[in-house]
Amino acid sequence: MKSEKAGTTISEAKTEITNISSHGIWLFYDSKEYFLPFDQFPWFEKANIKEVLNVENPSQDHFYWPDLDVDLHLDSIKNPEKYPLISK
């Protein structure tokens, strides 16, 4: 008898916030660190530490902060100029 794989596949890469400063946050993912400056990622600037530290990696190269309802893809972190913030 063979057992089926339970649940959904998630990334095996380690994901965590390694630093928070007055300028932005540092996200460690897949053995690399990425800086998210507040001027390009404003959702984190007024958030409390617990909210920022609570980051999930639901799929490869995808990050979710459930307390802030923020979803980001790694490409938007690496290339924020391709994803301008637009407000109406």
PDB file of N, CA and C in Angstrom:
ATOM      1  N   MET A   1       0.839  -1.175   0.000  1.00  0.00           N
ATOM      2  CA  MET A   1       0.000   0.000   0.000  1.00  0.00           C
ATOM      3  C   MET A   1       0.884   1.239   0.000  1.00  0.00           C
ATOM      4  N   LYS A   2       0.592   2.173  -0.905  1.00  0.00           N
ATOM      5  CA  LYS A   2       1.364   3.406  -0.991  1.00  0.00           C
ATOM      6  C   LYS A   2       0.560   4.555  -0.418  1.00  0.00           C
ATOM      7  N   SER A   3       1.213   5.386   0.328  1.00  0.00           N
ATOM      8  CA  SER A   3       0.571   6.576   0.896  1.00  0.00           C
ATOM      9  C   SER A   3       0.723   7.738  -0.062  1.00  0.00           C
ATOM     10  N   GLU A   4      -0.299   8.533  -0.156  1.00  0.00           N
ATOM     11  CA  GLU A   4      -0.243   9.756  -0.947  1.00  0.00           C
ATOM     12  C   GLU A   4       0.455  10.839  -0.145  1.00  0.00           C
ATOM     13  N   LYS A   5       1.080  11.772  -0.832  1.00  0.00           N
ATOM     14  CA  LYS A   5       1.712  12.909  -0.191  1.00  0.00           C
ATOM     15  C   LYS A   5       0.633  13.812   0.404  1.00  0.00           C
ATOM     16  N   ALA A   6       0.773  14.153   1.661  1.00  0.00           N
ATOM     17  CA  ALA A   6      -0.222  15.003   2.331  1.00  0.00           C
ATOM     18  C   ALA A   6       0.087  16.479   2.121  1.00  0.00           C
ATOM     19  N   GLY A   7      -0.945  17.283   2.019  1.00  0.00           N
ATOM     20  CA  GLY A   7      -0.781  18.737   1.977  1.00  0.00           C
ATOM     21  C   GLY A   7      -0.262  19.241   0.650  1.00  0.00           C
ATOM     22  N   THR A   8       0.103  20.522   0.659  1.00  0.00           N
ATOM     23  CA  THR A   8       0.610  21.163  -0.547  1.00  0.00           C
ATOM     24  C   THR A   8       2.116  21.333  -0.427  1.00  0.00           C
ATOM     25  N   THR A   9       2.754  21.474  -1.557  1.00  0.00           N
ATOM     26  CA  THR A   9       4.196  21.672  -1.578  1.00  0.00           C
ATOM     27  C   THR A   9       4.517  23.118  -1.223  1.00  0.00           C
ATOM     28  N   ILE A  10       5.469  23.296  -0.320  1.00  0.00           N
ATOM     29  CA  ILE A  10       5.930  24.634   0.025  1.00  0.00           C
ATOM     30  C   ILE A  10       7.439  24.691  -0.157  1.00  0.00           C
ATOM     31  N   SER A  11       7.939  25.866  -0.225  1.00  0.00           N
ATOM     32  CA  SER A  11       9.367  26.060  -0.404  1.00  0.00           C
ATOM     33  C   SER A  11      10.129  25.534   0.803  1.00  0.00           C
ATOM     34  N   GLU A  12      11.264  24.917   0.540  1.00  0.00           N
ATOM     35  CA  GLU A  12      12.123  24.416   1.608  1.00  0.00           C
ATOM     36  C   GLU A  12      13.137  25.472   2.055  1.00  0.00           C
ATOM     37  N   ALA A  13      13.190  26.588   1.359  1.00  0.00           N
ATOM     38  CA  ALA A  13      14.155  27.633   1.676  1.00  0.00           C
ATOM     39  C   ALA A  13      13.796  28.307   2.998  1.00  0.00           C
ATOM     40  N   LYS A  14      14.824  28.608   3.772  1.00  0.00           N
ATOM     41  CA  LYS A  14      14.621  29.312   5.040  1.00  0.00           C
ATOM     42  C   LYS A  14      14.236  30.758   4.754  1.00  0.00           C
ATOM     43  N   THR A  15      13.200  31.227   5.432  1.00  0.00           N
ATOM     44  CA  THR A  15      12.718  32.596   5.250  1.00  0.00           C
ATOM     45  C   THR A  15      12.595  33.260   6.604  1.00  0.00           C
ATOM     46  N   GLU A  16      13.237  34.414   6.769  1.00  0.00           N
ATOM     47  CA  GLU A  16      13.088  35.162   8.017  1.00  0.00           C
ATOM     48  C   GLU A  16      13.516  36.612   7.821  1.00  0.00           C
ATOM     49  N   ILE A  17      13.009  37.461   8.693  1.00  0.00           N
ATOM     50  CA  ILE A  17      13.442  38.852   8.746  1.00  0.00           C
ATOM     51  C   ILE A  17      14.663  38.889   9.658  1.00  0.00           C
ATOM     52  N   THR A  18      15.789  39.375   9.141  1.00  0.00           N
ATOM     53  CA  THR A  18      17.025  39.361   9.923  1.00  0.00           C
ATOM     54  C   THR A  18      17.346  40.700  10.574  1.00  0.00           C
ATOM     55  N   ASN A  19      16.714  41.784  10.075  1.00  0.00           N
ATOM     56  CA  ASN A  19      17.001  43.097  10.654  1.00  0.00           C
ATOM     57  C   ASN A  19      15.878  44.068  10.291  1.00  0.00           C
ATOM     58  N   ILE A  20      15.628  44.987  11.194  1.00  0.00           N
ATOM     59  CA  ILE A  20      14.688  46.082  10.953  1.00  0.00           C
ATOM     60  C   ILE A  20      15.403  47.359  11.371  1.00  0.00           C
ATOM     61  N   SER A  21      15.440  48.347  10.471  1.00  0.00           N
ATOM     62  CA  SER A  21      16.085  49.617  10.803  1.00  0.00           C
ATOM     63  C   SER A  21      15.114  50.756  10.521  1.00  0.00           C
ATOM     64  N   SER A  22      15.568  51.964  10.698  1.00  0.00           N
ATOM     65  CA  SER A  22      14.725  53.128  10.404  1.00  0.00           C
ATOM     66  C   SER A  22      14.572  53.338   8.897  1.00  0.00           C
ATOM     67  N   HIS A  23      15.300  52.568   8.091  1.00  0.00           N
ATOM     68  CA  HIS A  23      15.263  52.714   6.633  1.00  0.00           C
ATOM     69  C   HIS A  23      14.523  51.577   5.919  1.00  0.00           C
ATOM     70  N   GLY A  24      14.412  50.412   6.568  1.00  0.00           N
ATOM     71  CA  GLY A  24      13.763  49.287   5.922  1.00  0.00           C
ATOM     72  C   GLY A  24      13.997  47.990   6.675  1.00  0.00           C
ATOM     73  N   ILE A  25      13.670  46.897   5.993  1.00  0.00           N
ATOM     74  CA  ILE A  25      13.843  45.577   6.607  1.00  0.00           C
ATOM     75  C   ILE A  25      14.714  44.705   5.706  1.00  0.00           C
ATOM     76  N   TRP A  26      15.340  43.697   6.308  1.00  0.00           N
ATOM     77  CA  TRP A  26      16.140  42.733   5.577  1.00  0.00           C
ATOM     78  C   TRP A  26      15.453  41.386   5.652  1.00  0.00           C
ATOM     79  N   LEU A  27      15.230  40.794   4.487  1.00  0.00           N
ATOM     80  CA  LEU A  27      14.596  39.490   4.363  1.00  0.00           C
ATOM     81  C   LEU A  27      15.648  38.481   3.931  1.00  0.00           C
ATOM     82  N   PHE A  28      15.800  37.416   4.722  1.00  0.00           N
ATOM     83  CA  PHE A  28      16.713  36.335   4.373  1.00  0.00           C
ATOM     84  C   PHE A  28      15.898  35.221   3.743  1.00  0.00           C
ATOM     85  N   TYR A  29      16.302  34.804   2.534  1.00  0.00           N
ATOM     86  CA  TYR A  29      15.578  33.761   1.819  1.00  0.00           C
ATOM     87  C   TYR A  29      16.541  33.001   0.911  1.00  0.00           C
ATOM     88  N   ASP A  30      16.511  31.699   0.987  1.00  0.00           N
ATOM     89  CA  ASP A  30      17.301  30.852   0.092  1.00  0.00           C
ATOM     90  C   ASP A  30      18.780  31.254   0.077  1.00  0.00           C
ATOM     91  N   SER A  31      19.337  31.430   1.265  1.00  0.00           N
ATOM     92  CA  SER A  31      20.760  31.756   1.457  1.00  0.00           C
ATOM     93  C   SER A  31      21.169  33.138   0.962  1.00  0.00           C
ATOM     94  N   LYS A  32      20.204  34.021   0.705  1.00  0.00           N
ATOM     95  CA  LYS A  32      20.513  35.392   0.288  1.00  0.00           C
ATOM     96  C   LYS A  32      19.701  36.361   1.129  1.00  0.00           C
ATOM     97  N   GLU A  33      20.219  37.580   1.257  1.00  0.00           N
ATOM     98  CA  GLU A  33      19.527  38.607   2.022  1.00  0.00           C
ATOM     99  C   GLU A  33      19.109  39.738   1.085  1.00  0.00           C
ATOM    100  N   TYR A  34      17.871  40.211   1.264  1.00  0.00           N
ATOM    101  CA  TYR A  34      17.305  41.262   0.425  1.00  0.00           C
ATOM    102  C   TYR A  34      16.865  42.419   1.304  1.00  0.00           C
ATOM    103  N   PHE A  35      17.174  43.646   0.872  1.00  0.00           N
ATOM    104  CA  PHE A  35      16.776  44.836   1.602  1.00  0.00           C
ATOM    105  C   PHE A  35      15.497  45.389   0.995  1.00  0.00           C
ATOM    106  N   LEU A  36      14.511  45.654   1.842  1.00  0.00           N
ATOM    107  CA  LEU A  36      13.241  46.243   1.415  1.00  0.00           C
ATOM    108  C   LEU A  36      13.133  47.622   2.051  1.00  0.00           C
ATOM    109  N   PRO A  37      13.526  48.677   1.327  1.00  0.00           N
ATOM    110  CA  PRO A  37      13.462  50.027   1.897  1.00  0.00           C
ATOM    111  C   PRO A  37      12.013  50.485   2.042  1.00  0.00           C
ATOM    112  N   PHE A  38      11.743  51.234   3.098  1.00  0.00           N
ATOM    113  CA  PHE A  38      10.383  51.697   3.370  1.00  0.00           C
ATOM    114  C   PHE A  38       9.810  52.576   2.258  1.00  0.00           C
ATOM    115  N   ASP A  39      10.661  53.327   1.552  1.00  0.00           N
ATOM    116  CA  ASP A  39      10.125  54.174   0.489  1.00  0.00           C
ATOM    117  C   ASP A  39       9.586  53.356  -0.679  1.00  0.00           C
ATOM    118  N   GLN A  40      10.051  52.120  -0.849  1.00  0.00           N
ATOM    119  CA  GLN A  40       9.546  51.254  -1.906  1.00  0.00           C
ATOM    120  C   GLN A  40       8.567  50.186  -1.388  1.00  0.00           C
ATOM    121  N   PHE A  41       8.610  49.929  -0.085  1.00  0.00           N
ATOM    122  CA  PHE A  41       7.737  48.938   0.550  1.00  0.00           C
ATOM    123  C   PHE A  41       7.120  49.562   1.810  1.00  0.00           C
ATOM    124  N   PRO A  42       6.226  50.543   1.623  1.00  0.00           N
ATOM    125  CA  PRO A  42       5.723  51.353   2.740  1.00  0.00           C
ATOM    126  C   PRO A  42       4.855  50.608   3.757  1.00  0.00           C
ATOM    127  N   TRP A  43       4.375  49.437   3.424  1.00  0.00           N
ATOM    128  CA  TRP A  43       3.495  48.688   4.326  1.00  0.00           C
ATOM    129  C   TRP A  43       4.180  48.316   5.629  1.00  0.00           C
ATOM    130  N   PHE A  44       5.504  48.248   5.608  1.00  0.00           N
ATOM    131  CA  PHE A  44       6.255  47.803   6.782  1.00  0.00           C
ATOM    132  C   PHE A  44       6.679  48.940   7.715  1.00  0.00           C
ATOM    133  N   GLU A  45       6.657  50.169   7.233  1.00  0.00           N
ATOM    134  CA  GLU A  45       7.192  51.300   7.997  1.00  0.00           C
ATOM    135  C   GLU A  45       6.449  51.548   9.309  1.00  0.00           C
ATOM    136  N   LYS A  46       5.140  51.490   9.302  1.00  0.00           N
ATOM    137  CA  LYS A  46       4.347  51.764  10.507  1.00  0.00           C
ATOM    138  C   LYS A  46       3.919  50.484  11.239  1.00  0.00           C
ATOM    139  N   ALA A  47       4.308  49.338  10.697  1.00  0.00           N
ATOM    140  CA  ALA A  47       3.937  48.054  11.307  1.00  0.00           C
ATOM    141  C   ALA A  47       4.761  47.816  12.569  1.00  0.00           C
ATOM    142  N   ASN A  48       4.185  47.052  13.492  1.00  0.00           N
ATOM    143  CA  ASN A  48       4.967  46.716  14.678  1.00  0.00           C
ATOM    144  C   ASN A  48       5.897  45.537  14.371  1.00  0.00           C
ATOM    145  N   ILE A  49       6.854  45.330  15.230  1.00  0.00           N
ATOM    146  CA  ILE A  49       7.885  44.314  14.994  1.00  0.00           C
ATOM    147  C   ILE A  49       7.278  42.925  14.825  1.00  0.00           C
ATOM    148  N   LYS A  50       6.324  42.589  15.658  1.00  0.00           N
ATOM    149  CA  LYS A  50       5.694  41.267  15.586  1.00  0.00           C
ATOM    150  C   LYS A  50       5.046  41.048  14.220  1.00  0.00           C
ATOM    151  N   GLU A  51       4.400  42.073  13.680  1.00  0.00           N
ATOM    152  CA  GLU A  51       3.751  41.964  12.370  1.00  0.00           C
ATOM    153  C   GLU A  51       4.769  41.769  11.248  1.00  0.00           C
ATOM    154  N   VAL A  52       5.891  42.470  11.334  1.00  0.00           N
ATOM    155  CA  VAL A  52       6.926  42.361  10.308  1.00  0.00           C
ATOM    156  C   VAL A  52       7.627  41.005  10.379  1.00  0.00           C
ATOM    157  N   LEU A  53       7.879  40.527  11.576  1.00  0.00           N
ATOM    158  CA  LEU A  53       8.574  39.252  11.740  1.00  0.00           C
ATOM    159  C   LEU A  53       7.729  38.056  11.322  1.00  0.00           C
ATOM    160  N   ASN A  54       6.416  38.216  11.300  1.00  0.00           N
ATOM    161  CA  ASN A  54       5.517  37.120  10.944  1.00  0.00           C
ATOM    162  C   ASN A  54       5.393  37.019   9.423  1.00  0.00           C
ATOM    163  N   VAL A  55       6.413  36.429   8.792  1.00  0.00           N
ATOM    164  CA  VAL A  55       6.429  36.262   7.335  1.00  0.00           C
ATOM    165  C   VAL A  55       6.335  34.774   7.014  1.00  0.00           C
ATOM    166  N   GLU A  56       5.533  34.480   6.013  1.00  0.00           N
ATOM    167  CA  GLU A  56       5.362  33.108   5.550  1.00  0.00           C
ATOM    168  C   GLU A  56       5.877  32.993   4.123  1.00  0.00           C
ATOM    169  N   ASN A  57       6.204  31.781   3.736  1.00  0.00           N
ATOM    170  CA  ASN A  57       6.689  31.488   2.382  1.00  0.00           C
ATOM    171  C   ASN A  57       5.786  30.393   1.802  1.00  0.00           C
ATOM    172  N   PRO A  58       4.558  30.775   1.362  1.00  0.00           N
ATOM    173  CA  PRO A  58       3.585  29.773   0.939  1.00  0.00           C
ATOM    174  C   PRO A  58       3.965  29.008  -0.331  1.00  0.00           C
ATOM    175  N   SER A  59       4.793  29.587  -1.161  1.00  0.00           N
ATOM    176  CA  SER A  59       5.288  28.901  -2.353  1.00  0.00           C
ATOM    177  C   SER A  59       6.632  29.512  -2.734  1.00  0.00           C
ATOM    178  N   GLN A  60       7.306  28.868  -3.657  1.00  0.00           N
ATOM    179  CA  GLN A  60       8.634  29.327  -4.045  1.00  0.00           C
ATOM    180  C   GLN A  60       8.604  30.784  -4.502  1.00  0.00           C
ATOM    181  N   ASP A  61       9.501  31.582  -3.941  1.00  0.00           N
ATOM    182  CA  ASP A  61       9.672  32.999  -4.286  1.00  0.00           C
ATOM    183  C   ASP A  61       8.455  33.865  -3.973  1.00  0.00           C
ATOM    184  N   HIS A  62       7.610  33.420  -3.077  1.00  0.00           N
ATOM    185  CA  HIS A  62       6.410  34.158  -2.696  1.00  0.00           C
ATOM    186  C   HIS A  62       6.402  34.329  -1.186  1.00  0.00           C
ATOM    187  N   PHE A  63       6.139  35.554  -0.738  1.00  0.00           N
ATOM    188  CA  PHE A  63       6.145  35.871   0.687  1.00  0.00           C
ATOM    189  C   PHE A  63       4.823  36.494   1.085  1.00  0.00           C
ATOM    190  N   TYR A  64       4.378  36.155   2.279  1.00  0.00           N
ATOM    191  CA  TYR A  64       3.103  36.671   2.765  1.00  0.00           C
ATOM    192  C   TYR A  64       3.235  37.056   4.225  1.00  0.00           C
ATOM    193  N   TRP A  65       2.814  38.278   4.538  1.00  0.00           N
ATOM    194  CA  TRP A  65       2.752  38.773   5.903  1.00  0.00           C
ATOM    195  C   TRP A  65       1.274  38.796   6.291  1.00  0.00           C
ATOM    196  N   PRO A  66       0.760  37.760   6.962  1.00  0.00           N
ATOM    197  CA  PRO A  66      -0.677  37.658   7.246  1.00  0.00           C
ATOM    198  C   PRO A  66      -1.208  38.778   8.141  1.00  0.00           C
ATOM    199  N   ASP A  67      -0.427  39.248   9.081  1.00  0.00           N
ATOM    200  CA  ASP A  67      -0.883  40.318   9.972  1.00  0.00           C
ATOM    201  C   ASP A  67      -1.038  41.649   9.240  1.00  0.00           C
ATOM    202  N   LEU A  68      -0.329  41.796   8.128  1.00  0.00           N
ATOM    203  CA  LEU A  68      -0.375  43.037   7.344  1.00  0.00           C
ATOM    204  C   LEU A  68      -1.138  42.860   6.035  1.00  0.00           C
ATOM    205  N   ASP A  69      -1.501  41.635   5.712  1.00  0.00           N
ATOM    206  CA  ASP A  69      -2.142  41.288   4.447  1.00  0.00           C
ATOM    207  C   ASP A  69      -1.320  41.796   3.263  1.00  0.00           C
ATOM    208  N   VAL A  70      -0.007  41.506   3.308  1.00  0.00           N
ATOM    209  CA  VAL A  70       0.923  41.910   2.253  1.00  0.00           C
ATOM    210  C   VAL A  70       1.458  40.653   1.576  1.00  0.00           C
ATOM    211  N   ASP A  71       1.312  40.608   0.251  1.00  0.00           N
ATOM    212  CA  ASP A  71       1.847  39.541  -0.586  1.00  0.00           C
ATOM    213  C   ASP A  71       2.918  40.135  -1.482  1.00  0.00           C
ATOM    214  N   LEU A  72       4.089  39.514  -1.516  1.00  0.00           N
ATOM    215  CA  LEU A  72       5.149  39.978  -2.415  1.00  0.00           C
ATOM    216  C   LEU A  72       5.805  38.787  -3.092  1.00  0.00           C
ATOM    217  N   HIS A  73       6.161  38.974  -4.333  1.00  0.00           N
ATOM    218  CA  HIS A  73       6.933  37.981  -5.065  1.00  0.00           C
ATOM    219  C   HIS A  73       8.389  38.432  -5.052  1.00  0.00           C
ATOM    220  N   LEU A  74       9.310  37.487  -5.094  1.00  0.00           N
ATOM    221  CA  LEU A  74      10.726  37.817  -5.046  1.00  0.00           C
ATOM    222  C   LEU A  74      11.129  38.785  -6.153  1.00  0.00           C
ATOM    223  N   ASP A  75      10.536  38.662  -7.328  1.00  0.00           N
ATOM    224  CA  ASP A  75      10.884  39.574  -8.421  1.00  0.00           C
ATOM    225  C   ASP A  75      10.545  41.022  -8.076  1.00  0.00           C
ATOM    226  N   SER A  76       9.459  41.242  -7.341  1.00  0.00           N
ATOM    227  CA  SER A  76       9.106  42.617  -6.963  1.00  0.00           C
ATOM    228  C   SER A  76      10.069  43.173  -5.918  1.00  0.00           C
ATOM    229  N   ILE A  77      10.728  42.301  -5.182  1.00  0.00           N
ATOM    230  CA  ILE A  77      11.736  42.738  -4.211  1.00  0.00           C
ATOM    231  C   ILE A  77      13.049  43.034  -4.930  1.00  0.00           C
ATOM    232  N   LYS A  78      13.417  42.167  -5.861  1.00  0.00           N
ATOM    233  CA  LYS A  78      14.654  42.365  -6.625  1.00  0.00           C
ATOM    234  C   LYS A  78      14.558  43.539  -7.606  1.00  0.00           C
ATOM    235  N   ASN A  79      13.370  43.754  -8.165  1.00  0.00           N
ATOM    236  CA  ASN A  79      13.184  44.772  -9.202  1.00  0.00           C
ATOM    237  C   ASN A  79      11.967  45.647  -8.899  1.00  0.00           C
ATOM    238  N   PRO A  80      11.999  46.422  -7.825  1.00  0.00           N
ATOM    239  CA  PRO A  80      10.812  47.209  -7.455  1.00  0.00           C
ATOM    240  C   PRO A  80      10.409  48.243  -8.503  1.00  0.00           C
ATOM    241  N   GLU A  81      11.355  48.660  -9.352  1.00  0.00           N
ATOM    242  CA  GLU A  81      11.031  49.634 -10.395  1.00  0.00           C
ATOM    243  C   GLU A  81      10.044  49.058 -11.426  1.00  0.00           C
ATOM    244  N   LYS A  82       9.972  47.746 -11.546  1.00  0.00           N
ATOM    245  CA  LYS A  82       9.032  47.102 -12.466  1.00  0.00           C
ATOM    246  C   LYS A  82       7.604  47.052 -11.880  1.00  0.00           C
ATOM    247  N   TYR A  83       7.482  47.349 -10.589  1.00  0.00           N
ATOM    248  CA  TYR A  83       6.205  47.267  -9.891  1.00  0.00           C
ATOM    249  C   TYR A  83       5.941  48.563  -9.123  1.00  0.00           C
ATOM    250  N   PRO A  84       5.698  49.658  -9.835  1.00  0.00           N
ATOM    251  CA  PRO A  84       5.527  50.946  -9.143  1.00  0.00           C
ATOM    252  C   PRO A  84       4.271  50.962  -8.267  1.00  0.00           C
ATOM    253  N   LEU A  85       4.358  51.665  -7.166  1.00  0.00           N
ATOM    254  CA  LEU A  85       3.211  51.855  -6.294  1.00  0.00           C
ATOM    255  C   LEU A  85       2.307  52.906  -6.925  1.00  0.00           C
ATOM    256  N   ILE A  86       1.074  52.546  -7.158  1.00  0.00           N
ATOM    257  CA  ILE A  86       0.133  53.458  -7.793  1.00  0.00           C
ATOM    258  C   ILE A  86      -1.075  53.606  -6.881  1.00  0.00           C
ATOM    259  N   SER A  87      -1.411  54.836  -6.574  1.00  0.00           N
ATOM    260  CA  SER A  87      -2.569  55.104  -5.739  1.00  0.00           C
ATOM    261  C   SER A  87      -3.528  56.016  -6.488  1.00  0.00           C
ATOM    262  N   LYS A  88      -4.818  55.720  -6.380  1.00  0.00           N
ATOM    263  CA  LYS A  88      -5.817  56.552  -7.065  1.00  0.00           C
ATOM    264  C   LYS A  88      -6.622  57.324  -6.056  1.00  0.00           C
TER     265      LYS A  88
END
